[in-house]
PDB file of all heavy atoms in Angstrom:
ATOM      1  N   ALA A   1      -9.580  19.548   2.685  1.00  0.00           N
ATOM      2  CA  ALA A   1      -8.311  19.077   2.129  1.00  0.00           C
ATOM      3  C   ALA A   1      -8.540  17.998   1.077  1.00  0.00           C
ATOM      4  O   ALA A   1      -7.859  17.968   0.044  1.00  0.00           O
ATOM      5  CB  ALA A   1      -7.419  18.541   3.252  1.00  0.00           C
ATOM      6  N   ARG A   2      -9.531  17.133   1.325  1.00  0.00           N
ATOM      7  CA  ARG A   2      -9.822  16.072   0.358  1.00  0.00           C
ATOM      8  C   ARG A   2     -10.365  16.665  -0.935  1.00  0.00           C
ATOM      9  O   ARG A   2      -9.948  16.283  -2.039  1.00  0.00           O
ATOM     10  CB  ARG A   2     -10.825  15.079   0.953  1.00  0.00           C
ATOM     11  CG  ARG A   2     -11.101  13.871   0.060  1.00  0.00           C
ATOM     12  CD  ARG A   2     -12.096  12.913   0.712  1.00  0.00           C
ATOM     13  NE  ARG A   2     -12.126  11.661  -0.011  1.00  0.00           N
ATOM     14  CZ  ARG A   2     -12.830  11.449  -1.126  1.00  0.00           C
ATOM     15  NH1 ARG A   2     -13.565  12.443  -1.637  1.00  0.00           N
ATOM     16  NH2 ARG A   2     -12.800  10.278  -1.728  1.00  0.00           N
ATOM     17  N   ARG A   3     -11.280  17.618  -0.811  1.00  0.00           N
ATOM     18  CA  ARG A   3     -11.864  18.241  -1.996  1.00  0.00           C
ATOM     19  C   ARG A   3     -10.783  18.947  -2.818  1.00  0.00           C
ATOM     20  O   ARG A   3     -10.720  18.795  -4.043  1.00  0.00           O
ATOM     21  CB  ARG A   3     -12.939  19.244  -1.569  1.00  0.00           C
ATOM     22  CG  ARG A   3     -13.637  19.920  -2.752  1.00  0.00           C
ATOM     23  CD  ARG A   3     -14.676  20.927  -2.308  1.00  0.00           C
ATOM     24  NE  ARG A   3     -14.061  22.128  -1.730  1.00  0.00           N
ATOM     25  CZ  ARG A   3     -14.117  22.452  -0.446  1.00  0.00           C
ATOM     26  NH1 ARG A   3     -14.771  21.695   0.417  1.00  0.00           N
ATOM     27  NH2 ARG A   3     -13.532  23.555  -0.007  1.00  0.00           N
ATOM     28  N   GLU A   4      -9.931  19.698  -2.137  1.00  0.00           N
ATOM     29  CA  GLU A   4      -8.888  20.425  -2.859  1.00  0.00           C
ATOM     30  C   GLU A   4      -7.851  19.475  -3.439  1.00  0.00           C
ATOM     31  O   GLU A   4      -7.350  19.693  -4.552  1.00  0.00           O
ATOM     32  CB  GLU A   4      -8.241  21.446  -1.929  1.00  0.00           C
ATOM     33  CG  GLU A   4      -9.200  22.566  -1.539  1.00  0.00           C
ATOM     34  CD  GLU A   4      -8.530  23.649  -0.706  1.00  0.00           C
ATOM     35  OE1 GLU A   4      -7.346  23.468  -0.322  1.00  0.00           O
ATOM     36  OE2 GLU A   4      -9.171  24.682  -0.452  1.00  0.00           O
ATOM     37  N   ALA A   5      -7.517  18.407  -2.713  1.00  0.00           N
ATOM     38  CA  ALA A   5      -6.548  17.431  -3.218  1.00  0.00           C
ATOM     39  C   ALA A   5      -7.045  16.789  -4.512  1.00  0.00           C
ATOM     40  O   ALA A   5      -6.279  16.605  -5.471  1.00  0.00           O
ATOM     41  CB  ALA A   5      -6.277  16.361  -2.161  1.00  0.00           C
ATOM     42  N   LEU A   6      -8.323  16.463  -4.548  1.00  0.00           N
ATOM     43  CA  LEU A   6      -8.886  15.872  -5.766  1.00  0.00           C
ATOM     44  C   LEU A   6      -8.840  16.870  -6.922  1.00  0.00           C
ATOM     45  O   LEU A   6      -8.598  16.477  -8.075  1.00  0.00           O
ATOM     46  CB  LEU A   6     -10.325  15.405  -5.506  1.00  0.00           C
ATOM     47  CG  LEU A   6     -10.451  14.151  -4.636  1.00  0.00           C
ATOM     48  CD1 LEU A   6     -11.904  13.921  -4.232  1.00  0.00           C
ATOM     49  CD2 LEU A   6      -9.901  12.919  -5.371  1.00  0.00           C
ATOM     50  N   GLU A   7      -9.038  18.146  -6.623  1.00  0.00           N
ATOM     51  CA  GLU A   7      -8.945  19.152  -7.678  1.00  0.00           C
ATOM     52  C   GLU A   7      -7.520  19.260  -8.211  1.00  0.00           C
ATOM     53  O   GLU A   7      -7.300  19.357  -9.428  1.00  0.00           O
ATOM     54  CB  GLU A   7      -9.420  20.513  -7.158  1.00  0.00           C
ATOM     55  CG  GLU A   7     -10.921  20.563  -6.914  1.00  0.00           C
ATOM     56  CD  GLU A   7     -11.419  22.002  -6.748  1.00  0.00           C
ATOM     57  OE1 GLU A   7     -10.895  22.897  -7.435  1.00  0.00           O
ATOM     58  OE2 GLU A   7     -12.331  22.204  -5.928  1.00  0.00           O
ATOM     59  N   TYR A   8      -6.543  19.223  -7.306  1.00  0.00           N
ATOM     60  CA  TYR A   8      -5.145  19.286  -7.760  1.00  0.00           C
ATOM     61  C   TYR A   8      -4.775  18.046  -8.572  1.00  0.00           C
ATOM     62  O   TYR A   8      -4.080  18.143  -9.593  1.00  0.00           O
ATOM     63  CB  TYR A   8      -4.202  19.445  -6.567  1.00  0.00           C
ATOM     64  CG  TYR A   8      -4.161  20.862  -6.045  1.00  0.00           C
ATOM     65  CD1 TYR A   8      -4.621  21.170  -4.771  1.00  0.00           C
ATOM     66  CD2 TYR A   8      -3.662  21.902  -6.832  1.00  0.00           C
ATOM     67  CE1 TYR A   8      -4.594  22.462  -4.289  1.00  0.00           C
ATOM     68  CE2 TYR A   8      -3.632  23.205  -6.354  1.00  0.00           C
ATOM     69  CZ  TYR A   8      -4.099  23.476  -5.084  1.00  0.00           C
ATOM     70  OH  TYR A   8      -4.078  24.766  -4.623  1.00  0.00           O
ATOM     71  N   LEU A   9      -5.223  16.898  -8.125  1.00  0.00           N
ATOM     72  CA  LEU A   9      -4.945  15.673  -8.884  1.00  0.00           C
ATOM     73  C   LEU A   9      -5.587  15.739 -10.264  1.00  0.00           C
ATOM     74  O   LEU A   9      -5.011  15.262 -11.252  1.00  0.00           O
ATOM     75  CB  LEU A   9      -5.427  14.443  -8.105  1.00  0.00           C
ATOM     76  CG  LEU A   9      -4.613  14.100  -6.855  1.00  0.00           C
ATOM     77  CD1 LEU A   9      -5.316  13.028  -6.034  1.00  0.00           C
ATOM     78  CD2 LEU A   9      -3.205  13.631  -7.246  1.00  0.00           C
ATOM     79  N   ALA A  10      -6.766  16.343 -10.337  1.00  0.00           N
ATOM     80  CA  ALA A  10      -7.404  16.522 -11.642  1.00  0.00           C
ATOM     81  C   ALA A  10      -6.596  17.463 -12.522  1.00  0.00           C
ATOM     82  O   ALA A  10      -6.463  17.256 -13.734  1.00  0.00           O
ATOM     83  CB  ALA A  10      -8.826  17.042 -11.468  1.00  0.00           C
ATOM     84  N   ARG A  11      -6.040  18.502 -11.920  1.00  0.00           N
ATOM     85  CA  ARG A  11      -5.261  19.471 -12.705  1.00  0.00           C
ATOM     86  C   ARG A  11      -4.051  18.818 -13.372  1.00  0.00           C
ATOM     87  O   ARG A  11      -3.643  19.233 -14.445  1.00  0.00           O
ATOM     88  CB  ARG A  11      -4.775  20.633 -11.815  1.00  0.00           C
ATOM     89  CG  ARG A  11      -5.881  21.476 -11.211  1.00  0.00           C
ATOM     90  CD  ARG A  11      -6.706  22.216 -12.263  1.00  0.00           C
ATOM     91  NE  ARG A  11      -7.746  23.012 -11.638  1.00  0.00           N
ATOM     92  CZ  ARG A  11      -8.973  22.570 -11.403  1.00  0.00           C
ATOM     93  NH1 ARG A  11      -9.295  21.333 -11.719  1.00  0.00           N
ATOM     94  NH2 ARG A  11      -9.867  23.357 -10.842  1.00  0.00           N
ATOM     95  N   VAL A  12      -3.466  17.836 -12.696  1.00  0.00           N
ATOM     96  CA  VAL A  12      -2.278  17.191 -13.261  1.00  0.00           C
ATOM     97  C   VAL A  12      -2.618  15.872 -13.960  1.00  0.00           C
ATOM     98  O   VAL A  12      -1.724  15.140 -14.381  1.00  0.00           O
ATOM     99  CB  VAL A  12      -1.194  16.967 -12.179  1.00  0.00           C
ATOM    100  CG1 VAL A  12      -0.784  18.288 -11.561  1.00  0.00           C
ATOM    101  CG2 VAL A  12      -1.653  15.995 -11.104  1.00  0.00           C
ATOM    102  N   GLY A  13      -3.917  15.563 -14.057  1.00  0.00           N
ATOM    103  CA  GLY A  13      -4.350  14.433 -14.877  1.00  0.00           C
ATOM    104  C   GLY A  13      -4.278  13.063 -14.244  1.00  0.00           C
ATOM    105  O   GLY A  13      -4.248  12.057 -14.958  1.00  0.00           O
ATOM    106  N   VAL A  14      -4.263  12.986 -12.910  1.00  0.00           N
ATOM    107  CA  VAL A  14      -4.216  11.653 -12.269  1.00  0.00           C
ATOM    108  C   VAL A  14      -5.312  11.481 -11.223  1.00  0.00           C
ATOM    109  O   VAL A  14      -5.179  10.690 -10.297  1.00  0.00           O
ATOM    110  CB  VAL A  14      -2.828  11.376 -11.628  1.00  0.00           C
ATOM    111  CG1 VAL A  14      -1.763  11.188 -12.693  1.00  0.00           C
ATOM    112  CG2 VAL A  14      -2.437  12.464 -10.643  1.00  0.00           C
ATOM    113  N   GLU A  15      -6.423  12.195 -11.385  1.00  0.00           N
ATOM    114  CA  GLU A  15      -7.492  12.064 -10.391  1.00  0.00           C
ATOM    115  C   GLU A  15      -8.049  10.648 -10.322  1.00  0.00           C
ATOM    116  O   GLU A  15      -8.520  10.194  -9.276  1.00  0.00           O
ATOM    117  CB  GLU A  15      -8.614  13.073 -10.667  1.00  0.00           C
ATOM    118  CG  GLU A  15      -9.449  12.805 -11.909  1.00  0.00           C
ATOM    119  CD  GLU A  15      -8.858  13.381 -13.190  1.00  0.00           C
ATOM    120  OE1 GLU A  15      -7.637  13.590 -13.248  1.00  0.00           O
ATOM    121  OE2 GLU A  15      -9.646  13.612 -14.127  1.00  0.00           O
ATOM    122  N   ASN A  16      -7.965   9.908 -11.438  1.00  0.00           N
ATOM    123  CA  ASN A  16      -8.480   8.530 -11.446  1.00  0.00           C
ATOM    124  C   ASN A  16      -7.543   7.558 -10.732  1.00  0.00           C
ATOM    125  O   ASN A  16      -7.857   6.371 -10.607  1.00  0.00           O
ATOM    126  CB  ASN A  16      -8.742   8.056 -12.879  1.00  0.00           C
ATOM    127  CG  ASN A  16      -7.493   8.096 -13.740  1.00  0.00           C
ATOM    128  OD1 ASN A  16      -6.535   8.800 -13.424  1.00  0.00           O
ATOM    129  ND2 ASN A  16      -7.503   7.349 -14.829  1.00  0.00           N
ATOM    130  N   GLN A  17      -6.403   8.045 -10.259  1.00  0.00           N
ATOM    131  CA  GLN A  17      -5.462   7.197  -9.515  1.00  0.00           C
ATOM    132  C   GLN A  17      -5.483   7.515  -8.017  1.00  0.00           C
ATOM    133  O   GLN A  17      -4.653   7.013  -7.266  1.00  0.00           O
ATOM    134  CB  GLN A  17      -4.032   7.422 -10.040  1.00  0.00           C
ATOM    135  CG  GLN A  17      -3.867   7.346 -11.538  1.00  0.00           C
ATOM    136  CD  GLN A  17      -4.137   5.959 -12.084  1.00  0.00           C
ATOM    137  OE1 GLN A  17      -3.924   4.959 -11.395  1.00  0.00           O
ATOM    138  NE2 GLN A  17      -4.604   5.891 -13.320  1.00  0.00           N
ATOM    139  N   ALA A  18      -6.433   8.324  -7.581  1.00  0.00           N
ATOM    140  CA  ALA A  18      -6.402   8.884  -6.227  1.00  0.00           C
ATOM    141  C   ALA A  18      -6.338   7.829  -5.132  1.00  0.00           C
ATOM    142  O   ALA A  18      -5.681   8.029  -4.101  1.00  0.00           O
ATOM    143  CB  ALA A  18      -7.626   9.785  -6.008  1.00  0.00           C
ATOM    144  N   ASP A  19      -7.003   6.699  -5.314  1.00  0.00           N
ATOM    145  CA  ASP A  19      -7.090   5.687  -4.259  1.00  0.00           C
ATOM    146  C   ASP A  19      -6.019   4.612  -4.370  1.00  0.00           C
ATOM    147  O   ASP A  19      -6.038   3.632  -3.611  1.00  0.00           O
ATOM    148  CB  ASP A  19      -8.480   5.046  -4.255  1.00  0.00           C
ATOM    149  CG  ASP A  19      -9.573   6.046  -3.899  1.00  0.00           C
ATOM    150  OD1 ASP A  19      -9.303   6.930  -3.058  1.00  0.00           O
ATOM    151  OD2 ASP A  19     -10.675   5.956  -4.464  1.00  0.00           O
ATOM    152  N   LYS A  20      -5.090   4.783  -5.293  1.00  0.00           N
ATOM    153  CA  LYS A  20      -4.019   3.797  -5.464  1.00  0.00           C
ATOM    154  C   LYS A  20      -2.788   4.192  -4.648  1.00  0.00           C
ATOM    155  O   LYS A  20      -2.585   5.361  -4.311  1.00  0.00           O
ATOM    156  CB  LYS A  20      -3.637   3.685  -6.939  1.00  0.00           C
ATOM    157  CG  LYS A  20      -4.736   3.095  -7.805  1.00  0.00           C
ATOM    158  CD  LYS A  20      -4.265   2.936  -9.243  1.00  0.00           C
ATOM    159  CE  LYS A  20      -5.361   2.316 -10.115  1.00  0.00           C
ATOM    160  NZ  LYS A  20      -4.920   2.193 -11.530  1.00  0.00           N
ATOM    161  N   LEU A  21      -1.953   3.196  -4.357  1.00  0.00           N
ATOM    162  CA  LEU A  21      -0.669   3.454  -3.715  1.00  0.00           C
ATOM    163  C   LEU A  21       0.345   3.871  -4.775  1.00  0.00           C
ATOM    164  O   LEU A  21       0.197   3.533  -5.955  1.00  0.00           O
ATOM    165  CB  LEU A  21      -0.175   2.195  -2.995  1.00  0.00           C
ATOM    166  CG  LEU A  21      -1.027   1.707  -1.818  1.00  0.00           C
ATOM    167  CD1 LEU A  21      -0.530   0.349  -1.336  1.00  0.00           C
ATOM    168  CD2 LEU A  21      -0.993   2.726  -0.676  1.00  0.00           C
ATOM    169  N   PRO A  22       1.384   4.585  -4.375  1.00  0.00           N
ATOM    170  CA  PRO A  22       2.384   5.009  -5.356  1.00  0.00           C
ATOM    171  C   PRO A  22       2.951   3.870  -6.196  1.00  0.00           C
ATOM    172  O   PRO A  22       3.194   4.039  -7.404  1.00  0.00           O
ATOM    173  CB  PRO A  22       3.470   5.650  -4.482  1.00  0.00           C
ATOM    174  CG  PRO A  22       2.720   6.189  -3.314  1.00  0.00           C
ATOM    175  CD  PRO A  22       1.634   5.178  -3.044  1.00  0.00           C
ATOM    176  N   SER A  23       3.131   2.711  -5.590  1.00  0.00           N
ATOM    177  CA  SER A  23       3.725   1.579  -6.323  1.00  0.00           C
ATOM    178  C   SER A  23       2.844   1.077  -7.461  1.00  0.00           C
ATOM    179  O   SER A  23       3.306   0.359  -8.346  1.00  0.00           O
ATOM    180  CB  SER A  23       4.015   0.422  -5.359  1.00  0.00           C
ATOM    181  OG  SER A  23       2.806  -0.025  -4.749  1.00  0.00           O
ATOM    182  N   GLN A  24       1.567   1.466  -7.442  1.00  0.00           N
ATOM    183  CA  GLN A  24       0.633   1.040  -8.489  1.00  0.00           C
ATOM    184  C   GLN A  24       0.601   2.013  -9.669  1.00  0.00           C
ATOM    185  O   GLN A  24      -0.114   1.775 -10.634  1.00  0.00           O
ATOM    186  CB  GLN A  24      -0.766   0.897  -7.892  1.00  0.00           C
ATOM    187  CG  GLN A  24      -0.867  -0.180  -6.818  1.00  0.00           C
ATOM    188  CD  GLN A  24      -2.236  -0.200  -6.157  1.00  0.00           C
ATOM    189  OE1 GLN A  24      -2.583   0.676  -5.362  1.00  0.00           O
ATOM    190  NE2 GLN A  24      -3.017  -1.208  -6.478  1.00  0.00           N
ATOM    191  N   LEU A  25       1.376   3.095  -9.587  1.00  0.00           N
ATOM    192  CA  LEU A  25       1.398   4.107 -10.639  1.00  0.00           C
ATOM    193  C   LEU A  25       2.700   4.045 -11.430  1.00  0.00           C
ATOM    194  O   LEU A  25       3.718   3.572 -10.926  1.00  0.00           O
ATOM    195  CB  LEU A  25       1.260   5.508 -10.031  1.00  0.00           C
ATOM    196  CG  LEU A  25      -0.153   6.040  -9.779  1.00  0.00           C
ATOM    197  CD1 LEU A  25      -0.896   5.183  -8.791  1.00  0.00           C
ATOM    198  CD2 LEU A  25      -0.077   7.486  -9.280  1.00  0.00           C
ATOM    199  N   SER A  26       2.650   4.540 -12.650  1.00  0.00           N
ATOM    200  CA  SER A  26       3.874   4.692 -13.431  1.00  0.00           C
ATOM    201  C   SER A  26       4.723   5.811 -12.839  1.00  0.00           C
ATOM    202  O   SER A  26       4.243   6.620 -12.028  1.00  0.00           O
ATOM    203  CB  SER A  26       3.543   5.033 -14.881  1.00  0.00           C
ATOM    204  OG  SER A  26       3.027   6.356 -14.982  1.00  0.00           O
ATOM    205  N   GLY A  27       5.972   5.878 -13.265  1.00  0.00           N
ATOM    206  CA  GLY A  27       6.837   6.943 -12.782  1.00  0.00           C
ATOM    207  C   GLY A  27       6.301   8.318 -13.123  1.00  0.00           C
ATOM    208  O   GLY A  27       6.342   9.246 -12.302  1.00  0.00           O
ATOM    209  N   GLY A  28       5.774   8.470 -14.334  1.00  0.00           N
ATOM    210  CA  GLY A  28       5.219   9.755 -14.733  1.00  0.00           C
ATOM    211  C   GLY A  28       4.012  10.143 -13.896  1.00  0.00           C
ATOM    212  O   GLY A  28       3.848  11.313 -13.528  1.00  0.00           O
ATOM    213  N   GLN A  29       3.157   9.161 -13.597  1.00  0.00           N
ATOM    214  CA  GLN A  29       1.993   9.440 -12.756  1.00  0.00           C
ATOM    215  C   GLN A  29       2.416   9.805 -11.338  1.00  0.00           C
ATOM    216  O   GLN A  29       1.842  10.701 -10.719  1.00  0.00           O
ATOM    217  CB  GLN A  29       1.069   8.220 -12.727  1.00  0.00           C
ATOM    218  CG  GLN A  29       0.358   7.972 -14.046  1.00  0.00           C
ATOM    219  CD  GLN A  29      -0.380   6.643 -14.059  1.00  0.00           C
ATOM    220  OE1 GLN A  29       0.065   5.664 -13.433  1.00  0.00           O
ATOM    221  NE2 GLN A  29      -1.493   6.597 -14.759  1.00  0.00           N
ATOM    222  N   GLN A  30       3.435   9.106 -10.812  1.00  0.00           N
ATOM    223  CA  GLN A  30       3.918   9.432  -9.470  1.00  0.00           C
ATOM    224  C   GLN A  30       4.479  10.853  -9.417  1.00  0.00           C
ATOM    225  O   GLN A  30       4.240  11.580  -8.449  1.00  0.00           O
ATOM    226  CB  GLN A  30       5.009   8.440  -9.049  1.00  0.00           C
ATOM    227  CG  GLN A  30       4.492   7.047  -8.743  1.00  0.00           C
ATOM    228  CD  GLN A  30       5.581   6.159  -8.180  1.00  0.00           C
ATOM    229  OE1 GLN A  30       6.132   6.426  -7.111  1.00  0.00           O
ATOM    230  NE2 GLN A  30       5.916   5.104  -8.909  1.00  0.00           N
ATOM    231  N   GLN A  31       5.206  11.252 -10.457  1.00  0.00           N
ATOM    232  CA  GLN A  31       5.781  12.590 -10.430  1.00  0.00           C
ATOM    233  C   GLN A  31       4.684  13.655 -10.549  1.00  0.00           C
ATOM    234  O   GLN A  31       4.767  14.709  -9.913  1.00  0.00           O
ATOM    235  CB  GLN A  31       6.815  12.751 -11.552  1.00  0.00           C
ATOM    236  CG  GLN A  31       7.690  13.992 -11.440  1.00  0.00           C
ATOM    237  CD  GLN A  31       8.521  14.045 -10.170  1.00  0.00           C
ATOM    238  OE1 GLN A  31       7.991  14.131  -9.059  1.00  0.00           O
ATOM    239  NE2 GLN A  31       9.830  13.981 -10.333  1.00  0.00           N
ATOM    240  N   ARG A  32       3.655  13.391 -11.347  1.00  0.00           N
ATOM    241  CA  ARG A  32       2.542  14.333 -11.425  1.00  0.00           C
ATOM    242  C   ARG A  32       1.822  14.423 -10.086  1.00  0.00           C
ATOM    243  O   ARG A  32       1.397  15.502  -9.669  1.00  0.00           O
ATOM    244  CB  ARG A  32       1.585  13.936 -12.547  1.00  0.00           C
ATOM    245  CG  ARG A  32       2.139  14.276 -13.926  1.00  0.00           C
ATOM    246  CD  ARG A  32       1.129  14.035 -14.998  1.00  0.00           C
ATOM    247  NE  ARG A  32       1.080  12.637 -15.416  1.00  0.00           N
ATOM    248  CZ  ARG A  32       0.021  12.032 -15.932  1.00  0.00           C
ATOM    249  NH1 ARG A  32      -1.103  12.703 -16.084  1.00  0.00           N
ATOM    250  NH2 ARG A  32       0.082  10.780 -16.311  1.00  0.00           N
ATOM    251  N   ALA A  33       1.690  13.287  -9.391  1.00  0.00           N
ATOM    252  CA  ALA A  33       1.092  13.307  -8.054  1.00  0.00           C
ATOM    253  C   ALA A  33       1.965  14.101  -7.085  1.00  0.00           C
ATOM    254  O   ALA A  33       1.455  14.821  -6.226  1.00  0.00           O
ATOM    255  CB  ALA A  33       0.897  11.880  -7.546  1.00  0.00           C
ATOM    256  N   ALA A  34       3.277  13.992  -7.240  1.00  0.00           N
ATOM    257  CA  ALA A  34       4.191  14.754  -6.379  1.00  0.00           C
ATOM    258  C   ALA A  34       4.037  16.256  -6.634  1.00  0.00           C
ATOM    259  O   ALA A  34       4.123  17.069  -5.699  1.00  0.00           O
ATOM    260  CB  ALA A  34       5.632  14.311  -6.622  1.00  0.00           C
ATOM    261  N   ILE A  35       3.805  16.639  -7.874  1.00  0.00           N
ATOM    262  CA  ILE A  35       3.555  18.052  -8.190  1.00  0.00           C
ATOM    263  C   ILE A  35       2.247  18.498  -7.541  1.00  0.00           C
ATOM    264  O   ILE A  35       2.170  19.588  -6.955  1.00  0.00           O
ATOM    265  CB  ILE A  35       3.533  18.264  -9.706  1.00  0.00           C
ATOM    266  CG1 ILE A  35       4.934  18.021 -10.299  1.00  0.00           C
ATOM    267  CG2 ILE A  35       3.050  19.676 -10.055  1.00  0.00           C
ATOM    268  CD1 ILE A  35       4.973  18.013 -11.814  1.00  0.00           C
ATOM    269  N   ALA A  36       1.208  17.662  -7.628  1.00  0.00           N
ATOM    270  CA  ALA A  36      -0.071  17.993  -6.983  1.00  0.00           C
ATOM    271  C   ALA A  36       0.108  18.155  -5.480  1.00  0.00           C
ATOM    272  O   ALA A  36      -0.472  19.060  -4.865  1.00  0.00           O
ATOM    273  CB  ALA A  36      -1.104  16.910  -7.282  1.00  0.00           C
ATOM    274  N   ARG A  37       0.911  17.277  -4.889  1.00  0.00           N
ATOM    275  CA  ARG A  37       1.163  17.368  -3.438  1.00  0.00           C
ATOM    276  C   ARG A  37       1.816  18.709  -3.080  1.00  0.00           C
ATOM    277  O   ARG A  37       1.443  19.348  -2.098  1.00  0.00           O
ATOM    278  CB  ARG A  37       2.063  16.211  -2.992  1.00  0.00           C
ATOM    279  CG  ARG A  37       2.419  16.248  -1.523  1.00  0.00           C
ATOM    280  CD  ARG A  37       3.398  15.161  -1.138  1.00  0.00           C
ATOM    281  NE  ARG A  37       4.634  15.268  -1.907  1.00  0.00           N
ATOM    282  CZ  ARG A  37       5.635  14.389  -1.811  1.00  0.00           C
ATOM    283  NH1 ARG A  37       5.530  13.345  -1.004  1.00  0.00           N
ATOM    284  NH2 ARG A  37       6.721  14.549  -2.528  1.00  0.00           N
ATOM    285  N   ALA A  38       2.782  19.128  -3.883  1.00  0.00           N
ATOM    286  CA  ALA A  38       3.440  20.410  -3.621  1.00  0.00           C
ATOM    287  C   ALA A  38       2.461  21.569  -3.805  1.00  0.00           C
ATOM    288  O   ALA A  38       2.429  22.514  -3.011  1.00  0.00           O
ATOM    289  CB  ALA A  38       4.648  20.575  -4.538  1.00  0.00           C
ATOM    290  N   LEU A  39       1.632  21.517  -4.841  1.00  0.00           N
ATOM    291  CA  LEU A  39       0.672  22.585  -5.119  1.00  0.00           C
ATOM    292  C   LEU A  39      -0.388  22.702  -4.025  1.00  0.00           C
ATOM    293  O   LEU A  39      -0.901  23.793  -3.763  1.00  0.00           O
ATOM    294  CB  LEU A  39      -0.014  22.350  -6.455  1.00  0.00           C
ATOM    295  CG  LEU A  39       0.837  22.531  -7.712  1.00  0.00           C
ATOM    296  CD1 LEU A  39       0.033  22.127  -8.939  1.00  0.00           C
ATOM    297  CD2 LEU A  39       1.318  23.961  -7.835  1.00  0.00           C
ATOM    298  N   ALA A  40      -0.708  21.583  -3.388  1.00  0.00           N
ATOM    299  CA  ALA A  40      -1.753  21.585  -2.357  1.00  0.00           C
ATOM    300  C   ALA A  40      -1.404  22.485  -1.185  1.00  0.00           C
ATOM    301  O   ALA A  40      -2.288  22.935  -0.455  1.00  0.00           O
ATOM    302  CB  ALA A  40      -2.017  20.168  -1.867  1.00  0.00           C
ATOM    303  N   MET A  41      -0.116  22.780  -1.025  1.00  0.00           N
ATOM    304  CA  MET A  41       0.307  23.693   0.048  1.00  0.00           C
ATOM    305  C   MET A  41       0.204  25.159  -0.378  1.00  0.00           C
ATOM    306  O   MET A  41       0.545  26.053   0.389  1.00  0.00           O
ATOM    307  CB  MET A  41       1.743  23.355   0.464  1.00  0.00           C
ATOM    308  CG  MET A  41       1.872  21.981   1.122  1.00  0.00           C
ATOM    309  SD  MET A  41       0.973  21.883   2.684  1.00  0.00           S
ATOM    310  CE  MET A  41       2.048  22.869   3.727  1.00  0.00           C
ATOM    311  N   LYS A  42      -0.226  25.387  -1.620  1.00  0.00           N
ATOM    312  CA  LYS A  42      -0.371  26.739  -2.170  1.00  0.00           C
ATOM    313  C   LYS A  42       0.916  27.552  -1.981  1.00  0.00           C
ATOM    314  O   LYS A  42       0.926  28.618  -1.356  1.00  0.00           O
ATOM    315  CB  LYS A  42      -1.583  27.434  -1.538  1.00  0.00           C
ATOM    316  CG  LYS A  42      -2.871  26.670  -1.830  1.00  0.00           C
ATOM    317  CD  LYS A  42      -4.078  27.255  -1.132  1.00  0.00           C
ATOM    318  CE  LYS A  42      -5.311  26.397  -1.422  1.00  0.00           C
ATOM    319  NZ  LYS A  42      -6.487  26.784  -0.643  1.00  0.00           N
ATOM    320  N   PRO A  43       2.007  27.046  -2.539  1.00  0.00           N
ATOM    321  CA  PRO A  43       3.311  27.670  -2.297  1.00  0.00           C
ATOM    322  C   PRO A  43       3.478  28.980  -3.054  1.00  0.00           C
ATOM    323  O   PRO A  43       2.817  29.235  -4.058  1.00  0.00           O
ATOM    324  CB  PRO A  43       4.288  26.611  -2.820  1.00  0.00           C
ATOM    325  CG  PRO A  43       3.526  25.931  -3.919  1.00  0.00           C
ATOM    326  CD  PRO A  43       2.107  25.871  -3.417  1.00  0.00           C
ATOM    327  N   LYS A  44       4.417  29.793  -2.562  1.00  0.00           N
ATOM    328  CA  LYS A  44       4.778  31.030  -3.251  1.00  0.00           C
ATOM    329  C   LYS A  44       5.710  30.763  -4.421  1.00  0.00           C
ATOM    330  O   LYS A  44       5.749  31.527  -5.388  1.00  0.00           O
ATOM    331  CB  LYS A  44       5.456  31.988  -2.264  1.00  0.00           C
ATOM    332  CG  LYS A  44       4.544  32.493  -1.164  1.00  0.00           C
ATOM    333  CD  LYS A  44       5.308  33.405  -0.203  1.00  0.00           C
ATOM    334  CE  LYS A  44       4.381  33.951   0.869  1.00  0.00           C
ATOM    335  NZ  LYS A  44       5.124  34.822   1.830  1.00  0.00           N
ATOM    336  N   VAL A  45       6.496  29.706  -4.307  1.00  0.00           N
ATOM    337  CA  VAL A  45       7.461  29.362  -5.347  1.00  0.00           C
ATOM    338  C   VAL A  45       7.592  27.847  -5.389  1.00  0.00           C
ATOM    339  O   VAL A  45       7.451  27.174  -4.367  1.00  0.00           O
ATOM    340  CB  VAL A  45       8.834  30.032  -5.071  1.00  0.00           C
ATOM    341  CG1 VAL A  45       9.385  29.648  -3.711  1.00  0.00           C
ATOM    342  CG2 VAL A  45       9.837  29.712  -6.162  1.00  0.00           C
TER     343      VAL A  45
END
């Protein structure tokens, strides 16, 4: 899960923020992380 999560974070361009808390990120970075979180479940839609 950690390996795949880092890959998803890389896909959305925030892998260098992986160890930070959400409050330490900009709104755009938080939303990209939220997209990575959704993708990590490998959804159908």
